C-alpha atoms as a PDB file:
ATOM      1  CA  UNK A   1      -0.052  -0.015  -0.162  1.00  0.00           C
ATOM      2  CA  UNK A   2       2.978   2.668   1.503  1.00  0.00           C
ATOM      3  CA  UNK A   3       4.823   1.503  -1.616  1.00  0.00           C
ATOM      4  CA  UNK A   4       1.498   2.298  -4.120  1.00  0.00           C
ATOM      5  CA  UNK A   5       1.512   5.459  -3.002  1.00  0.00           C
ATOM      6  CA  UNK A   6       4.650   6.702  -2.962  1.00  0.00           C
ATOM      7  CA  UNK A   7       4.324   5.148  -6.736  1.00  0.00           C
ATOM      8  CA  UNK A   8       1.833   7.571  -7.540  1.00  0.00           C
ATOM      9  CA  UNK A   9       3.614   9.979  -5.959  1.00  0.00           C
ATOM     10  CA  UNK A  10       6.560  10.061  -7.751  1.00  0.00           C
ATOM     11  CA  UNK A  11       4.917   9.770 -11.043  1.00  0.00           C
ATOM     12  CA  UNK A  12       2.414  12.686  -9.968  1.00  0.00           C
ATOM     13  CA  UNK A  13       5.308  15.233  -9.784  1.00  0.00           C
ATOM     14  CA  UNK A  14       7.099  13.626 -12.628  1.00  0.00           C
ATOM     15  CA  UNK A  15       3.618  14.150 -14.430  1.00  0.00           C
ATOM     16  CA  UNK A  16       3.889  18.173 -12.961  1.00  0.00           C
ATOM     17  CA  UNK A  17       7.658  18.648 -13.899  1.00  0.00           C
ATOM     18  CA  UNK A  18       7.099  17.613 -17.693  1.00  0.00           C
ATOM     19  CA  UNK A  19       3.678  19.859 -17.871  1.00  0.00           C
ATOM     20  CA  UNK A  20       5.629  23.155 -16.027  1.00  0.00           C
ATOM     21  CA  UNK A  21       8.510  22.063 -19.049  1.00  0.00           C
ATOM     22  CA  UNK A  22       6.537  22.169 -21.739  1.00  0.00           C
ATOM     23  CA  UNK A  23       4.346  25.464 -20.631  1.00  0.00           C
ATOM     24  CA  UNK A  24       7.887  26.568 -19.847  1.00  0.00           C
ATOM     25  CA  UNK A  25       9.248  25.927 -23.332  1.00  0.00           C
ATOM     26  CA  UNK A  26       6.084  27.228 -25.462  1.00  0.00           C
ATOM     27  CA  UNK A  27       6.056  30.452 -23.653  1.00  0.00           C
ATOM     28  CA  UNK A  28       9.787  31.320 -24.215  1.00  0.00           C
ATOM     29  CA  UNK A  29       9.753  30.424 -27.654  1.00  0.00           C
ATOM     30  CA  UNK A  30       6.973  32.882 -27.909  1.00  0.00           C
ATOM     31  CA  UNK A  31       9.579  36.042 -27.024  1.00  0.00           C
ATOM     32  CA  UNK A  32       7.613  36.136 -22.956  1.00  0.00           C
ATOM     33  CA  UNK A  33       8.843  33.854 -20.148  1.00  0.00           C
ATOM     34  CA  UNK A  34       6.137  32.517 -17.301  1.00  0.00           C
ATOM     35  CA  UNK A  35       6.751  33.642 -14.471  1.00  0.00           C
ATOM     36  CA  UNK A  36       4.915  30.821 -11.599  1.00  0.00           C
ATOM     37  CA  UNK A  37       2.979  32.213  -8.717  1.00  0.00           C
ATOM     38  CA  UNK A  38       1.857  29.025  -6.710  1.00  0.00           C
ATOM     39  CA  UNK A  39       0.776  26.877  -8.921  1.00  0.00           C
ATOM     40  CA  UNK A  40      -0.322  29.889 -11.489  1.00  0.00           C
ATOM     41  CA  UNK A  41       1.911  31.145 -14.710  1.00  0.00           C
ATOM     42  CA  UNK A  42       1.833  34.374 -15.298  1.00  0.00           C
ATOM     43  CA  UNK A  43       3.410  36.144 -18.173  1.00  0.00           C
ATOM     44  CA  UNK A  44       5.089  39.510 -17.856  1.00  0.00           C
ATOM     45  CA  UNK A  45       7.229  41.568 -20.002  1.00  0.00           C
ATOM     46  CA  UNK A  46      10.496  43.283 -20.045  1.00  0.00           C
ATOM     47  CA  UNK A  47      10.607  45.268 -16.882  1.00  0.00           C
ATOM     48  CA  UNK A  48      15.291  46.240 -17.319  1.00  0.00           C
ATOM     49  CA  UNK A  49      17.916  43.930 -18.543  1.00  0.00           C
ATOM     50  CA  UNK A  50      20.138  42.067 -17.618  1.00  0.00           C
ATOM     51  CA  UNK A  51      23.970  43.945 -18.347  1.00  0.00           C
ATOM     52  CA  UNK A  52      26.899  45.142 -16.374  1.00  0.00           C
ATOM     53  CA  UNK A  53      27.763  47.393 -18.568  1.00  0.00           C
ATOM     54  CA  UNK A  54      25.774  50.394 -17.284  1.00  0.00           C
ATOM     55  CA  UNK A  55      23.876  51.105 -20.619  1.00  0.00           C
ATOM     56  CA  UNK A  56      20.043  52.040 -19.810  1.00  0.00           C
ATOM     57  CA  UNK A  57      17.186  53.586 -21.355  1.00  0.00           C
ATOM     58  CA  UNK A  58      15.271  56.440 -21.225  1.00  0.00           C
ATOM     59  CA  UNK A  59      11.559  56.803 -22.330  1.00  0.00           C
ATOM     60  CA  UNK A  60       9.097  58.856 -22.625  1.00  0.00           C
ATOM     61  CA  UNK A  61       4.906  58.066 -23.482  1.00  0.00           C
ATOM     62  CA  UNK A  62       3.218  60.692 -25.547  1.00  0.00           C
ATOM     63  CA  UNK A  63      -0.279  60.488 -25.672  1.00  0.00           C
ATOM     64  CA  UNK A  64      -1.323  64.634 -24.165  1.00  0.00           C
ATOM     65  CA  UNK A  65       0.070  68.293 -25.994  1.00  0.00           C
ATOM     66  CA  UNK A  66       3.658  68.518 -27.500  1.00  0.00           C
ATOM     67  CA  UNK A  67       4.405  71.765 -25.339  1.00  0.00           C
ATOM     68  CA  UNK A  68       7.612  70.893 -24.128  1.00  0.00           C
ATOM     69  CA  UNK A  69       8.869  68.567 -26.523  1.00  0.00           C
ATOM     70  CA  UNK A  70      11.234  70.602 -28.193  1.00  0.00           C
ATOM     71  CA  UNK A  71      12.782  71.401 -24.941  1.00  0.00           C
ATOM     72  CA  UNK A  72      13.076  67.506 -24.564  1.00  0.00           C
ATOM     73  CA  UNK A  73      14.934  66.751 -27.208  1.00  0.00           C
ATOM     74  CA  UNK A  74      16.788  69.376 -27.957  1.00  0.00           C
ATOM     75  CA  UNK A  75      17.606  67.942 -24.094  1.00  0.00           C
ATOM     76  CA  UNK A  76      18.463  65.520 -26.225  1.00  0.00           C
ATOM     77  CA  UNK A  77      20.528  66.660 -28.634  1.00  0.00           C
ATOM     78  CA  UNK A  78      22.957  68.573 -26.584  1.00  0.00           C
ATOM     79  CA  UNK A  79      23.700  65.591 -24.375  1.00  0.00           C
ATOM     80  CA  UNK A  80      23.951  63.463 -27.394  1.00  0.00           C
ATOM     81  CA  UNK A  81      21.539  60.920 -26.461  1.00  0.00           C
ATOM     82  CA  UNK A  82      19.298  58.458 -28.113  1.00  0.00           C
ATOM     83  CA  UNK A  83      15.655  57.703 -26.132  1.00  0.00           C
ATOM     84  CA  UNK A  84      12.361  56.262 -26.871  1.00  0.00           C
ATOM     85  CA  UNK A  85       8.741  57.518 -27.545  1.00  0.00           C
ATOM     86  CA  UNK A  86       6.049  55.641 -27.080  1.00  0.00           C
ATOM     87  CA  UNK A  87       3.186  56.905 -28.862  1.00  0.00           C
ATOM     88  CA  UNK A  88      -0.681  56.333 -29.114  1.00  0.00           C
ATOM     89  CA  UNK A  89      -2.054  56.241 -32.456  1.00  0.00           C
ATOM     90  CA  UNK A  90      -4.282  59.466 -31.614  1.00  0.00           C
ATOM     91  CA  UNK A  91      -1.466  61.757 -30.812  1.00  0.00           C
ATOM     92  CA  UNK A  92       0.510  60.475 -33.607  1.00  0.00           C
ATOM     93  CA  UNK A  93      -1.900  61.487 -36.150  1.00  0.00           C
ATOM     94  CA  UNK A  94      -2.144  65.086 -34.452  1.00  0.00           C
ATOM     95  CA  UNK A  95       0.946  65.670 -34.104  1.00  0.00           C
ATOM     96  CA  UNK A  96       3.011  64.008 -36.893  1.00  0.00           C
ATOM     97  CA  UNK A  97       5.256  66.542 -37.209  1.00  0.00           C
ATOM     98  CA  UNK A  98       6.361  65.600 -34.039  1.00  0.00           C
ATOM     99  CA  UNK A  99       6.510  61.751 -34.642  1.00  0.00           C
ATOM    100  CA  UNK A 100       9.160  62.673 -38.084  1.00  0.00           C
ATOM    101  CA  UNK A 101      11.253  64.865 -36.370  1.00  0.00           C
ATOM    102  CA  UNK A 102      11.624  62.180 -33.299  1.00  0.00           C
ATOM    103  CA  UNK A 103      12.413  59.181 -35.376  1.00  0.00           C
ATOM    104  CA  UNK A 104      14.272  61.795 -38.150  1.00  0.00           C
ATOM    105  CA  UNK A 105      16.790  62.576 -35.099  1.00  0.00           C
ATOM    106  CA  UNK A 106      17.393  58.571 -34.943  1.00  0.00           C
ATOM    107  CA  UNK A 107      15.211  58.066 -31.329  1.00  0.00           C
ATOM    108  CA  UNK A 108      12.780  54.724 -31.967  1.00  0.00           C
ATOM    109  CA  UNK A 109       9.262  55.458 -31.379  1.00  0.00           C
ATOM    110  CA  UNK A 110       7.003  52.808 -30.789  1.00  0.00           C
ATOM    111  CA  UNK A 111       3.236  51.908 -29.975  1.00  0.00           C
ATOM    112  CA  UNK A 112       1.455  52.837 -26.529  1.00  0.00           C
ATOM    113  CA  UNK A 113      -2.208  52.204 -27.865  1.00  0.00           C
ATOM    114  CA  UNK A 114      -4.193  52.993 -30.312  1.00  0.00           C
ATOM    115  CA  UNK A 115      -7.334  54.777 -27.930  1.00  0.00           C
ATOM    116  CA  UNK A 116      -4.917  54.661 -24.450  1.00  0.00           C
ATOM    117  CA  UNK A 117      -7.481  52.830 -22.989  1.00  0.00           C
ATOM    118  CA  UNK A 118      -7.144  49.648 -20.139  1.00  0.00           C
ATOM    119  CA  UNK A 119      -6.186  46.568 -22.646  1.00  0.00           C
ATOM    120  CA  UNK A 120      -6.418  43.979 -20.043  1.00  0.00           C
ATOM    121  CA  UNK A 121      -9.840  44.210 -20.707  1.00  0.00           C
ATOM    122  CA  UNK A 122     -10.064  43.764 -24.397  1.00  0.00           C
ATOM    123  CA  UNK A 123      -9.829  40.466 -26.101  1.00  0.00           C
ATOM    124  CA  UNK A 124      -7.554  38.997 -28.521  1.00  0.00           C
ATOM    125  CA  UNK A 125      -9.186  40.734 -31.428  1.00  0.00           C
ATOM    126  CA  UNK A 126      -9.164  44.200 -30.365  1.00  0.00           C
ATOM    127  CA  UNK A 127      -5.736  44.110 -29.114  1.00  0.00           C
ATOM    128  CA  UNK A 128      -4.443  42.691 -32.233  1.00  0.00           C
ATOM    129  CA  UNK A 129      -6.380  45.965 -33.824  1.00  0.00           C
ATOM    130  CA  UNK A 130      -5.031  48.577 -31.315  1.00  0.00           C
ATOM    131  CA  UNK A 131      -1.766  47.549 -32.200  1.00  0.00           C
ATOM    132  CA  UNK A 132      -1.617  47.542 -36.077  1.00  0.00           C
ATOM    133  CA  UNK A 133      -3.578  50.666 -36.077  1.00  0.00           C
ATOM    134  CA  UNK A 134      -1.751  52.560 -34.073  1.00  0.00           C
ATOM    135  CA  UNK A 135       1.835  50.780 -35.638  1.00  0.00           C
ATOM    136  CA  UNK A 136       0.598  51.512 -39.083  1.00  0.00           C
ATOM    137  CA  UNK A 137       0.029  55.618 -37.920  1.00  0.00           C
ATOM    138  CA  UNK A 138       3.341  55.566 -36.671  1.00  0.00           C
ATOM    139  CA  UNK A 139       4.995  53.491 -39.916  1.00  0.00           C
ATOM    140  CA  UNK A 140       3.293  55.704 -42.635  1.00  0.00           C
ATOM    141  CA  UNK A 141       4.885  59.208 -41.134  1.00  0.00           C
ATOM    142  CA  UNK A 142       8.582  57.018 -39.979  1.00  0.00           C
ATOM    143  CA  UNK A 143       8.689  54.519 -42.905  1.00  0.00           C
ATOM    144  CA  UNK A 144      10.423  52.799 -40.107  1.00  0.00           C
ATOM    145  CA  UNK A 145       8.560  49.344 -38.644  1.00  0.00           C
ATOM    146  CA  UNK A 146       7.828  49.382 -35.180  1.00  0.00           C
ATOM    147  CA  UNK A 147       8.781  46.087 -33.107  1.00  0.00           C
ATOM    148  CA  UNK A 148       8.187  47.998 -29.228  1.00  0.00           C
ATOM    149  CA  UNK A 149       4.588  48.282 -27.670  1.00  0.00           C
ATOM    150  CA  UNK A 150       4.156  49.877 -23.733  1.00  0.00           C
ATOM    151  CA  UNK A 151       0.524  49.220 -22.442  1.00  0.00           C
ATOM    152  CA  UNK A 152      -0.855  52.089 -21.304  1.00  0.00           C
ATOM    153  CA  UNK A 153      -1.302  52.408 -17.451  1.00  0.00           C
ATOM    154  CA  UNK A 154       1.445  49.422 -17.634  1.00  0.00           C
ATOM    155  CA  UNK A 155      -1.741  47.633 -17.385  1.00  0.00           C
ATOM    156  CA  UNK A 156      -1.050  43.746 -19.262  1.00  0.00           C
ATOM    157  CA  UNK A 157      -2.477  40.652 -18.623  1.00  0.00           C
ATOM    158  CA  UNK A 158      -1.372  37.361 -20.556  1.00  0.00           C
ATOM    159  CA  UNK A 159      -3.970  37.420 -23.642  1.00  0.00           C
ATOM    160  CA  UNK A 160      -2.172  40.940 -23.943  1.00  0.00           C
ATOM    161  CA  UNK A 161       1.472  40.104 -24.222  1.00  0.00           C
ATOM    162  CA  UNK A 162       0.200  36.977 -25.761  1.00  0.00           C
ATOM    163  CA  UNK A 163      -1.189  38.985 -28.726  1.00  0.00           C
ATOM    164  CA  UNK A 164       1.565  41.204 -28.732  1.00  0.00           C
ATOM    165  CA  UNK A 165       4.316  38.827 -28.883  1.00  0.00           C
ATOM    166  CA  UNK A 166       2.182  36.536 -31.528  1.00  0.00           C
ATOM    167  CA  UNK A 167       2.495  40.057 -33.592  1.00  0.00           C
ATOM    168  CA  UNK A 168       5.914  40.449 -33.121  1.00  0.00           C
ATOM    169  CA  UNK A 169       6.479  43.107 -30.538  1.00  0.00           C
ATOM    170  CA  UNK A 170       8.377  43.372 -27.343  1.00  0.00           C
ATOM    171  CA  UNK A 171       6.030  44.289 -24.266  1.00  0.00           C
ATOM    172  CA  UNK A 172       8.090  47.051 -22.653  1.00  0.00           C
ATOM    173  CA  UNK A 173       7.144  48.362 -18.779  1.00  0.00           C
ATOM    174  CA  UNK A 174       9.757  50.184 -16.665  1.00  0.00           C
ATOM    175  CA  UNK A 175      11.994  49.732 -13.890  1.00  0.00           C
ATOM    176  CA  UNK A 176      12.425  53.348 -12.714  1.00  0.00           C
ATOM    177  CA  UNK A 177       9.137  55.643 -12.779  1.00  0.00           C
ATOM    178  CA  UNK A 178       9.926  59.077 -12.752  1.00  0.00           C
ATOM    179  CA  UNK A 179       6.185  59.799 -10.979  1.00  0.00           C
ATOM    180  CA  UNK A 180       6.411  63.382 -13.785  1.00  0.00           C
ATOM    181  CA  UNK A 181       3.436  63.252 -14.334  1.00  0.00           C
ATOM    182  CA  UNK A 182       2.017  64.072 -10.459  1.00  0.00           C
ATOM    183  CA  UNK A 183       4.127  67.540 -11.372  1.00  0.00           C
ATOM    184  CA  UNK A 184       6.700  66.868  -9.330  1.00  0.00           C
ATOM    185  CA  UNK A 185       9.504  69.430  -9.527  1.00  0.00           C
ATOM    186  CA  UNK A 186      12.433  69.569 -11.566  1.00  0.00           C
ATOM    187  CA  UNK A 187      15.346  68.334  -8.974  1.00  0.00           C
ATOM    188  CA  UNK A 188      12.113  65.410  -7.509  1.00  0.00           C
ATOM    189  CA  UNK A 189      11.817  63.909 -10.264  1.00  0.00           C
ATOM    190  CA  UNK A 190      15.727  63.593 -11.950  1.00  0.00           C
ATOM    191  CA  UNK A 191      16.733  62.435  -7.802  1.00  0.00           C
ATOM    192  CA  UNK A 192      14.023  59.857  -8.142  1.00  0.00           C
ATOM    193  CA  UNK A 193      15.813  58.152 -11.915  1.00  0.00           C
ATOM    194  CA  UNK A 194      19.302  58.825 -10.660  1.00  0.00           C
ATOM    195  CA  UNK A 195      18.411  56.820  -7.305  1.00  0.00           C
ATOM    196  CA  UNK A 196      16.782  54.673  -9.034  1.00  0.00           C
ATOM    197  CA  UNK A 197      18.486  53.411 -11.566  1.00  0.00           C
ATOM    198  CA  UNK A 198      20.759  50.352 -12.563  1.00  0.00           C
ATOM    199  CA  UNK A 199      22.561  49.036 -15.303  1.00  0.00           C
ATOM    200  CA  UNK A 200      20.019  47.503 -17.726  1.00  0.00           C
ATOM    201  CA  UNK A 201      16.996  50.167 -16.525  1.00  0.00           C
ATOM    202  CA  UNK A 202      14.569  51.389 -18.053  1.00  0.00           C
ATOM    203  CA  UNK A 203      13.368  55.148 -17.026  1.00  0.00           C
ATOM    204  CA  UNK A 204       9.235  56.084 -17.464  1.00  0.00           C
ATOM    205  CA  UNK A 205       9.201  59.822 -18.144  1.00  0.00           C
ATOM    206  CA  UNK A 206       6.238  61.497 -20.279  1.00  0.00           C
ATOM    207  CA  UNK A 207       6.266  64.191 -22.953  1.00  0.00           C
ATOM    208  CA  UNK A 208       4.211  66.610 -21.540  1.00  0.00           C
ATOM    209  CA  UNK A 209       4.842  66.667 -17.930  1.00  0.00           C
ATOM    210  CA  UNK A 210       5.284  69.392 -16.763  1.00  0.00           C
ATOM    211  CA  UNK A 211       8.674  69.530 -15.130  1.00  0.00           C
ATOM    212  CA  UNK A 212       9.732  67.031 -17.392  1.00  0.00           C
ATOM    213  CA  UNK A 213      11.902  68.960 -19.824  1.00  0.00           C
ATOM    214  CA  UNK A 214      13.549  70.742 -17.222  1.00  0.00           C
ATOM    215  CA  UNK A 215      14.571  67.815 -15.083  1.00  0.00           C
ATOM    216  CA  UNK A 216      16.280  65.812 -18.604  1.00  0.00           C
ATOM    217  CA  UNK A 217      18.846  67.622 -18.550  1.00  0.00           C
ATOM    218  CA  UNK A 218      19.858  66.634 -14.951  1.00  0.00           C
ATOM    219  CA  UNK A 219      19.356  63.200 -15.566  1.00  0.00           C
ATOM    220  CA  UNK A 220      21.329  63.073 -18.096  1.00  0.00           C
ATOM    221  CA  UNK A 221      24.367  64.468 -17.418  1.00  0.00           C
ATOM    222  CA  UNK A 222      24.806  63.706 -14.273  1.00  0.00           C
ATOM    223  CA  UNK A 223      24.193  59.544 -14.881  1.00  0.00           C
ATOM    224  CA  UNK A 224      26.224  60.030 -17.878  1.00  0.00           C
ATOM    225  CA  UNK A 225      29.127  61.726 -15.096  1.00  0.00           C
ATOM    226  CA  UNK A 226      28.220  58.557 -13.436  1.00  0.00           C
ATOM    227  CA  UNK A 227      29.300  56.319 -16.039  1.00  0.00           C
ATOM    228  CA  UNK A 228      25.924  55.377 -17.970  1.00  0.00           C
ATOM    229  CA  UNK A 229      24.824  55.526 -21.254  1.00  0.00           C
ATOM    230  CA  UNK A 230      21.601  55.448 -23.108  1.00  0.00           C
ATOM    231  CA  UNK A 231      20.815  53.478 -25.605  1.00  0.00           C
ATOM    232  CA  UNK A 232      17.520  53.371 -27.199  1.00  0.00           C
ATOM    233  CA  UNK A 233      15.135  50.065 -25.647  1.00  0.00           C
ATOM    234  CA  UNK A 234      15.819  47.778 -28.673  1.00  0.00           C
ATOM    235  CA  UNK A 235      19.517  48.406 -28.590  1.00  0.00           C
ATOM    236  CA  UNK A 236      18.767  47.329 -24.911  1.00  0.00           C
ATOM    237  CA  UNK A 237      16.653  44.201 -24.465  1.00  0.00           C
ATOM    238  CA  UNK A 238      17.553  41.246 -25.985  1.00  0.00           C
ATOM    239  CA  UNK A 239      15.838  40.244 -29.011  1.00  0.00           C
ATOM    240  CA  UNK A 240      16.335  36.303 -28.525  1.00  0.00           C
ATOM    241  CA  UNK A 241      17.509  33.280 -26.255  1.00  0.00           C
ATOM    242  CA  UNK A 242      16.318  35.031 -23.221  1.00  0.00           C
ATOM    243  CA  UNK A 243      13.864  34.315 -20.635  1.00  0.00           C
ATOM    244  CA  UNK A 244      11.654  37.057 -17.603  1.00  0.00           C
ATOM    245  CA  UNK A 245      12.297  36.762 -14.199  1.00  0.00           C
ATOM    246  CA  UNK A 246       9.523  37.487 -10.948  1.00  0.00           C
ATOM    247  CA  UNK A 247      10.865  40.986 -10.959  1.00  0.00           C
ATOM    248  CA  UNK A 248      10.145  41.754 -15.656  1.00  0.00           C
ATOM    249  CA  UNK A 249      14.046  41.502 -15.758  1.00  0.00           C
ATOM    250  CA  UNK A 250      15.389  39.404 -18.884  1.00  0.00           C
ATOM    251  CA  UNK A 251      18.321  37.754 -18.969  1.00  0.00           C
ATOM    252  CA  UNK A 252      20.562  36.025 -21.474  1.00  0.00           C
ATOM    253  CA  UNK A 253      20.297  32.420 -21.466  1.00  0.00           C
ATOM    254  CA  UNK A 254      23.460  31.008 -20.937  1.00  0.00           C
END
């Protein structure tokens, strides 16, 4: 009796291991990774990247207005830094001249959705429409393929990441939040970023924060003086042969 129970336990354990292996493999090959919380597998986007070369990426979400965008672009130019901008479709269409200006300056443009809604509430078909329409609007202006996607509000679920991955997008979050949308002072914004950055960090900012443009030069020059190098997100991340751990940190497969 005892022997039978032990055999059943072993068989169950082996089956569980096999199931997890199959699930991890299938997820891995779709450019995502399953993180297990208890017995529940969950897909996570890229929050940061495992690197030891002190490369980081500064990003700007564009959904409302352009009042401070030229000032941000000038600061990036002066510091010789390339950034990543995530634009919503309605912003892209309204401010196409800015999208072109951003792209022509050598910055990367990714999609921030079509309608800036909570996409975890959408089904796969609606997600595809959001990503396809917003990317087409960007590509029409820049002539460059869109590979990066950031979900509005940082809101995501398995369906969103899986669908985005199936369309060839890397879903990008952040590990350093400037909170510039709260209209903090330029020094407070800068210190939040400077104190939070580590090698492989992705910094979240917004193109139309009240004091964002004032904070950007402080952030860029301070971090450069600390030995950091700024690259675009598509240069920072691994495009293949990677996993993402429970904190959302992307790591190369050794």
